[in-house]
PDB file of all heavy atoms in Angstrom:
ATOM      1  N   ARG A   1      -5.059   7.061  -2.815  1.00  0.00           N
ATOM      2  CA  ARG A   1      -5.832   5.810  -2.887  1.00  0.00           C
ATOM      3  C   ARG A   1      -5.510   4.840  -1.756  1.00  0.00           C
ATOM      4  O   ARG A   1      -6.011   3.719  -1.748  1.00  0.00           O
ATOM      5  CB  ARG A   1      -5.571   5.146  -4.233  1.00  0.00           C
ATOM      6  CG  ARG A   1      -6.012   6.067  -5.378  1.00  0.00           C
ATOM      7  CD  ARG A   1      -5.866   5.434  -6.711  1.00  0.00           C
ATOM      8  NE  ARG A   1      -6.795   4.312  -6.815  1.00  0.00           N
ATOM      9  CZ  ARG A   1      -6.784   3.461  -7.817  1.00  0.00           C
ATOM     10  NH1 ARG A   1      -5.913   3.575  -8.776  1.00  0.00           N
ATOM     11  NH2 ARG A   1      -7.648   2.469  -7.858  1.00  0.00           N
ATOM     12  N   ALA A   2      -4.664   5.212  -0.820  1.00  0.00           N
ATOM     13  CA  ALA A   2      -4.246   4.308   0.265  1.00  0.00           C
ATOM     14  C   ALA A   2      -5.463   3.747   0.990  1.00  0.00           C
ATOM     15  O   ALA A   2      -6.307   4.494   1.467  1.00  0.00           O
ATOM     16  CB  ALA A   2      -3.325   5.024   1.231  1.00  0.00           C
ATOM     17  N   GLU A   3      -5.548   2.437   1.045  1.00  0.00           N
ATOM     18  CA  GLU A   3      -6.661   1.746   1.700  1.00  0.00           C
ATOM     19  C   GLU A   3      -6.215   0.921   2.891  1.00  0.00           C
ATOM     20  O   GLU A   3      -7.030   0.571   3.736  1.00  0.00           O
ATOM     21  CB  GLU A   3      -7.338   0.785   0.703  1.00  0.00           C
ATOM     22  CG  GLU A   3      -7.926   1.437  -0.508  1.00  0.00           C
ATOM     23  CD  GLU A   3      -8.403   0.406  -1.530  1.00  0.00           C
ATOM     24  OE1 GLU A   3      -8.078  -0.789  -1.403  1.00  0.00           O
ATOM     25  OE2 GLU A   3      -9.111   0.813  -2.461  1.00  0.00           O
ATOM     26  N   ALA A   4      -4.936   0.581   2.930  1.00  0.00           N
ATOM     27  CA  ALA A   4      -4.464  -0.324   3.980  1.00  0.00           C
ATOM     28  C   ALA A   4      -3.036   0.012   4.382  1.00  0.00           C
ATOM     29  O   ALA A   4      -2.316   0.709   3.651  1.00  0.00           O
ATOM     30  CB  ALA A   4      -4.543  -1.767   3.500  1.00  0.00           C
ATOM     31  N   ARG A   5      -2.681  -0.506   5.549  1.00  0.00           N
ATOM     32  CA  ARG A   5      -1.293  -0.461   6.020  1.00  0.00           C
ATOM     33  C   ARG A   5      -0.856  -1.910   6.157  1.00  0.00           C
ATOM     34  O   ARG A   5      -1.461  -2.707   6.862  1.00  0.00           O
ATOM     35  CB  ARG A   5      -1.182   0.221   7.382  1.00  0.00           C
ATOM     36  CG  ARG A   5      -1.316   1.723   7.332  1.00  0.00           C
ATOM     37  CD  ARG A   5      -0.110   2.405   6.779  1.00  0.00           C
ATOM     38  NE  ARG A   5       0.854   2.678   7.820  1.00  0.00           N
ATOM     39  CZ  ARG A   5       2.010   3.252   7.596  1.00  0.00           C
ATOM     40  NH1 ARG A   5       2.362   3.611   6.395  1.00  0.00           N
ATOM     41  NH2 ARG A   5       2.848   3.455   8.576  1.00  0.00           N
ATOM     42  N   CYS A   6       0.204  -2.235   5.452  1.00  0.00           N
ATOM     43  CA  CYS A   6       0.790  -3.571   5.504  1.00  0.00           C
ATOM     44  C   CYS A   6       2.184  -3.379   6.083  1.00  0.00           C
ATOM     45  O   CYS A   6       3.103  -3.002   5.362  1.00  0.00           O
ATOM     46  CB  CYS A   6       0.851  -4.191   4.119  1.00  0.00           C
ATOM     47  SG  CYS A   6      -0.750  -4.288   3.281  1.00  0.00           S
ATOM     48  N   GLY A   7       2.296  -3.596   7.377  1.00  0.00           N
ATOM     49  CA  GLY A   7       3.551  -3.254   8.039  1.00  0.00           C
ATOM     50  C   GLY A   7       3.766  -1.760   7.927  1.00  0.00           C
ATOM     51  O   GLY A   7       2.884  -0.969   8.265  1.00  0.00           O
ATOM     52  N   LEU A   8       4.913  -1.340   7.420  1.00  0.00           N
ATOM     53  CA  LEU A   8       5.205   0.082   7.238  1.00  0.00           C
ATOM     54  C   LEU A   8       4.736   0.608   5.881  1.00  0.00           C
ATOM     55  O   LEU A   8       4.906   1.788   5.583  1.00  0.00           O
ATOM     56  CB  LEU A   8       6.714   0.328   7.368  1.00  0.00           C
ATOM     57  CG  LEU A   8       7.315   0.037   8.735  1.00  0.00           C
ATOM     58  CD1 LEU A   8       8.835   0.237   8.697  1.00  0.00           C
ATOM     59  CD2 LEU A   8       6.687   0.893   9.803  1.00  0.00           C
ATOM     60  N   TYR A   9       4.183  -0.259   5.066  1.00  0.00           N
ATOM     61  CA  TYR A   9       3.748   0.111   3.717  1.00  0.00           C
ATOM     62  C   TYR A   9       2.316   0.616   3.707  1.00  0.00           C
ATOM     63  O   TYR A   9       1.457   0.083   4.389  1.00  0.00           O
ATOM     64  CB  TYR A   9       3.806  -1.108   2.788  1.00  0.00           C
ATOM     65  CG  TYR A   9       5.189  -1.489   2.336  1.00  0.00           C
ATOM     66  CD1 TYR A   9       6.075  -2.107   3.204  1.00  0.00           C
ATOM     67  CD2 TYR A   9       5.600  -1.244   1.031  1.00  0.00           C
ATOM     68  CE1 TYR A   9       7.345  -2.476   2.778  1.00  0.00           C
ATOM     69  CE2 TYR A   9       6.859  -1.618   0.598  1.00  0.00           C
ATOM     70  CZ  TYR A   9       7.731  -2.232   1.475  1.00  0.00           C
ATOM     71  OH  TYR A   9       8.980  -2.590   1.055  1.00  0.00           O
ATOM     72  N   TYR A  10       2.066   1.630   2.877  1.00  0.00           N
ATOM     73  CA  TYR A  10       0.712   2.016   2.506  1.00  0.00           C
ATOM     74  C   TYR A  10       0.377   1.185   1.275  1.00  0.00           C
ATOM     75  O   TYR A  10       1.261   0.901   0.448  1.00  0.00           O
ATOM     76  CB  TYR A  10       0.633   3.502   2.156  1.00  0.00           C
ATOM     77  CG  TYR A  10       0.833   4.404   3.340  1.00  0.00           C
ATOM     78  CD1 TYR A  10       2.073   4.955   3.623  1.00  0.00           C
ATOM     79  CD2 TYR A  10      -0.234   4.697   4.183  1.00  0.00           C
ATOM     80  CE1 TYR A  10       2.252   5.779   4.719  1.00  0.00           C
ATOM     81  CE2 TYR A  10      -0.063   5.523   5.282  1.00  0.00           C
ATOM     82  CZ  TYR A  10       1.175   6.055   5.543  1.00  0.00           C
ATOM     83  OH  TYR A  10       1.351   6.855   6.630  1.00  0.00           O
ATOM     84  N   ALA A  11      -0.899   0.811   1.129  1.00  0.00           N
ATOM     85  CA  ALA A  11      -1.241  -0.056   0.008  1.00  0.00           C
ATOM     86  C   ALA A  11      -2.653   0.192  -0.473  1.00  0.00           C
ATOM     87  O   ALA A  11      -3.501   0.701   0.263  1.00  0.00           O
ATOM     88  CB  ALA A  11      -1.083  -1.520   0.420  1.00  0.00           C
ATOM     89  N   TYR A  12      -2.893  -0.186  -1.710  1.00  0.00           N
ATOM     90  CA  TYR A  12      -4.248  -0.241  -2.249  1.00  0.00           C
ATOM     91  C   TYR A  12      -4.280  -1.325  -3.315  1.00  0.00           C
ATOM     92  O   TYR A  12      -3.249  -1.765  -3.826  1.00  0.00           O
ATOM     93  CB  TYR A  12      -4.727   1.112  -2.774  1.00  0.00           C
ATOM     94  CG  TYR A  12      -4.125   1.579  -4.073  1.00  0.00           C
ATOM     95  CD1 TYR A  12      -4.726   1.263  -5.291  1.00  0.00           C
ATOM     96  CD2 TYR A  12      -2.981   2.363  -4.091  1.00  0.00           C
ATOM     97  CE1 TYR A  12      -4.195   1.711  -6.478  1.00  0.00           C
ATOM     98  CE2 TYR A  12      -2.450   2.812  -5.283  1.00  0.00           C
ATOM     99  CZ  TYR A  12      -3.055   2.484  -6.468  1.00  0.00           C
ATOM    100  OH  TYR A  12      -2.523   2.921  -7.655  1.00  0.00           O
ATOM    101  N   MET A  13      -5.493  -1.768  -3.604  1.00  0.00           N
ATOM    102  CA  MET A  13      -5.696  -2.817  -4.601  1.00  0.00           C
ATOM    103  C   MET A  13      -6.422  -2.236  -5.809  1.00  0.00           C
ATOM    104  O   MET A  13      -7.303  -1.397  -5.667  1.00  0.00           O
ATOM    105  CB  MET A  13      -6.539  -3.963  -4.021  1.00  0.00           C
ATOM    106  CG  MET A  13      -5.923  -4.684  -2.851  1.00  0.00           C
ATOM    107  SD  MET A  13      -4.569  -5.772  -3.291  1.00  0.00           S
ATOM    108  CE  MET A  13      -5.410  -7.035  -4.218  1.00  0.00           C
ATOM    109  N   GLU A  14      -6.036  -2.708  -6.957  1.00  0.00           N
ATOM    110  CA  GLU A  14      -6.725  -2.402  -8.208  1.00  0.00           C
ATOM    111  C   GLU A  14      -6.986  -3.762  -8.855  1.00  0.00           C
ATOM    112  O   GLU A  14      -6.068  -4.364  -9.422  1.00  0.00           O
ATOM    113  CB  GLU A  14      -5.829  -1.525  -9.083  1.00  0.00           C
ATOM    114  CG  GLU A  14      -6.537  -0.818 -10.195  1.00  0.00           C
ATOM    115  CD  GLU A  14      -5.623   0.200 -10.845  1.00  0.00           C
ATOM    116  OE1 GLU A  14      -4.894  -0.175 -11.792  1.00  0.00           O
ATOM    117  OE2 GLU A  14      -5.625   1.364 -10.397  1.00  0.00           O
ATOM    118  N   GLY A  15      -8.209  -4.266  -8.677  1.00  0.00           N
ATOM    119  CA  GLY A  15      -8.483  -5.647  -9.057  1.00  0.00           C
ATOM    120  C   GLY A  15      -7.704  -6.553  -8.117  1.00  0.00           C
ATOM    121  O   GLY A  15      -7.802  -6.420  -6.901  1.00  0.00           O
ATOM    122  N   ASN A  16      -6.895  -7.445  -8.669  1.00  0.00           N
ATOM    123  CA  ASN A  16      -6.057  -8.268  -7.802  1.00  0.00           C
ATOM    124  C   ASN A  16      -4.598  -7.803  -7.817  1.00  0.00           C
ATOM    125  O   ASN A  16      -3.702  -8.523  -7.399  1.00  0.00           O
ATOM    126  CB  ASN A  16      -6.164  -9.759  -8.175  1.00  0.00           C
ATOM    127  CG  ASN A  16      -5.474 -10.075  -9.475  1.00  0.00           C
ATOM    128  OD1 ASN A  16      -5.446  -9.251 -10.400  1.00  0.00           O
ATOM    129  ND2 ASN A  16      -4.923 -11.265  -9.580  1.00  0.00           N
ATOM    130  N   THR A  17      -4.371  -6.575  -8.300  1.00  0.00           N
ATOM    131  CA  THR A  17      -3.023  -6.001  -8.306  1.00  0.00           C
ATOM    132  C   THR A  17      -2.837  -5.120  -7.080  1.00  0.00           C
ATOM    133  O   THR A  17      -3.611  -4.196  -6.835  1.00  0.00           O
ATOM    134  CB  THR A  17      -2.767  -5.181  -9.581  1.00  0.00           C
ATOM    135  OG1 THR A  17      -2.947  -6.035 -10.717  1.00  0.00           O
ATOM    136  CG2 THR A  17      -1.364  -4.614  -9.597  1.00  0.00           C
ATOM    137  N   LEU A  18      -1.815  -5.430  -6.320  1.00  0.00           N
ATOM    138  CA  LEU A  18      -1.458  -4.669  -5.130  1.00  0.00           C
ATOM    139  C   LEU A  18      -0.412  -3.631  -5.500  1.00  0.00           C
ATOM    140  O   LEU A  18       0.565  -3.939  -6.182  1.00  0.00           O
ATOM    141  CB  LEU A  18      -0.868  -5.608  -4.072  1.00  0.00           C
ATOM    142  CG  LEU A  18      -0.254  -4.924  -2.856  1.00  0.00           C
ATOM    143  CD1 LEU A  18      -1.353  -4.524  -1.881  1.00  0.00           C
ATOM    144  CD2 LEU A  18       0.761  -5.836  -2.185  1.00  0.00           C
ATOM    145  N   TYR A  19      -0.627  -2.391  -5.058  1.00  0.00           N
ATOM    146  CA  TYR A  19       0.357  -1.334  -5.148  1.00  0.00           C
ATOM    147  C   TYR A  19       0.678  -0.913  -3.727  1.00  0.00           C
ATOM    148  O   TYR A  19      -0.240  -0.629  -2.948  1.00  0.00           O
ATOM    149  CB  TYR A  19      -0.184  -0.127  -5.925  1.00  0.00           C
ATOM    150  CG  TYR A  19      -0.413  -0.421  -7.383  1.00  0.00           C
ATOM    151  CD1 TYR A  19      -1.668  -0.791  -7.857  1.00  0.00           C
ATOM    152  CD2 TYR A  19       0.637  -0.316  -8.297  1.00  0.00           C
ATOM    153  CE1 TYR A  19      -1.879  -1.053  -9.197  1.00  0.00           C
ATOM    154  CE2 TYR A  19       0.424  -0.583  -9.646  1.00  0.00           C
ATOM    155  CZ  TYR A  19      -0.823  -0.950 -10.079  1.00  0.00           C
ATOM    156  OH  TYR A  19      -1.028  -1.222 -11.411  1.00  0.00           O
ATOM    157  N   ALA A  20       1.945  -0.896  -3.368  1.00  0.00           N
ATOM    158  CA  ALA A  20       2.322  -0.543  -2.002  1.00  0.00           C
ATOM    159  C   ALA A  20       3.637   0.234  -2.009  1.00  0.00           C
ATOM    160  O   ALA A  20       4.483   0.038  -2.888  1.00  0.00           O
ATOM    161  CB  ALA A  20       2.465  -1.811  -1.159  1.00  0.00           C
ATOM    162  N   TRP A  21       3.770   1.124  -1.030  1.00  0.00           N
ATOM    163  CA  TRP A  21       4.996   1.904  -0.900  1.00  0.00           C
ATOM    164  C   TRP A  21       5.294   2.157   0.561  1.00  0.00           C
ATOM    165  O   TRP A  21       4.426   2.225   1.407  1.00  0.00           O
ATOM    166  CB  TRP A  21       4.904   3.219  -1.662  1.00  0.00           C
ATOM    167  CG  TRP A  21       3.951   4.224  -1.106  1.00  0.00           C
ATOM    168  CD1 TRP A  21       4.245   5.290  -0.305  1.00  0.00           C
ATOM    169  CD2 TRP A  21       2.528   4.251  -1.274  1.00  0.00           C
ATOM    170  NE1 TRP A  21       3.112   5.978   0.016  1.00  0.00           N
ATOM    171  CE2 TRP A  21       2.037   5.350  -0.565  1.00  0.00           C
ATOM    172  CE3 TRP A  21       1.621   3.435  -1.957  1.00  0.00           C
ATOM    173  CZ2 TRP A  21       0.686   5.665  -0.512  1.00  0.00           C
ATOM    174  CZ3 TRP A  21       0.274   3.744  -1.910  1.00  0.00           C
ATOM    175  CH2 TRP A  21      -0.179   4.847  -1.201  1.00  0.00           C
ATOM    176  N   GLN A  22       6.565   2.274   0.817  1.00  0.00           N
ATOM    177  CA  GLN A  22       7.073   2.556   2.155  1.00  0.00           C
ATOM    178  C   GLN A  22       7.856   3.861   2.105  1.00  0.00           C
ATOM    179  O   GLN A  22       8.632   4.077   1.174  1.00  0.00           O
ATOM    180  CB  GLN A  22       7.989   1.414   2.604  1.00  0.00           C
ATOM    181  CG  GLN A  22       8.639   1.645   3.956  1.00  0.00           C
ATOM    182  CD  GLN A  22       9.514   0.467   4.339  1.00  0.00           C
ATOM    183  OE1 GLN A  22       9.016  -0.512   4.849  1.00  0.00           O
ATOM    184  NE2 GLN A  22      10.800   0.572   4.063  1.00  0.00           N
ATOM    185  N   ALA A  23       7.647   4.696   3.107  1.00  0.00           N
ATOM    186  CA  ALA A  23       8.342   5.987   3.180  1.00  0.00           C
ATOM    187  C   ALA A  23       9.568   5.873   4.083  1.00  0.00           C
ATOM    188  O   ALA A  23       9.548   5.174   5.099  1.00  0.00           O
ATOM    189  CB  ALA A  23       7.402   7.052   3.729  1.00  0.00           C
ATOM    190  N   ASN A  24      10.609   6.559   3.707  1.00  0.00           N
ATOM    191  CA  ASN A  24      11.840   6.542   4.496  1.00  0.00           C
ATOM    192  C   ASN A  24      11.587   7.005   5.928  1.00  0.00           C
ATOM    193  O   ASN A  24      12.166   6.451   6.867  1.00  0.00           O
ATOM    194  CB  ASN A  24      12.909   7.413   3.836  1.00  0.00           C
ATOM    195  CG  ASN A  24      14.219   7.333   4.589  1.00  0.00           C
ATOM    196  OD1 ASN A  24      14.825   6.276   4.681  1.00  0.00           O
ATOM    197  ND2 ASN A  24      14.634   8.453   5.151  1.00  0.00           N
ATOM    198  N   ASP A  25      10.750   8.019   6.124  1.00  0.00           N
ATOM    199  CA  ASP A  25      10.490   8.527   7.480  1.00  0.00           C
ATOM    200  C   ASP A  25       9.913   7.446   8.387  1.00  0.00           C
ATOM    201  O   ASP A  25      10.309   7.317   9.543  1.00  0.00           O
ATOM    202  CB  ASP A  25       9.541   9.729   7.443  1.00  0.00           C
ATOM    203  CG  ASP A  25      10.174  10.950   6.801  1.00  0.00           C
ATOM    204  OD1 ASP A  25      11.412  10.978   6.623  1.00  0.00           O
ATOM    205  OD2 ASP A  25       9.430  11.888   6.478  1.00  0.00           O
TER     206      ASP A  25
END
C-alpha cells in the first residue's frame, strides 16, 4: 500500500491515519 516516501520512511494513509515504516537497509 506504499503511497509516499517521507524521508527514509515508506508511508500510506488510511483516512487521516498515517502508517509508515523505515527499513534498516
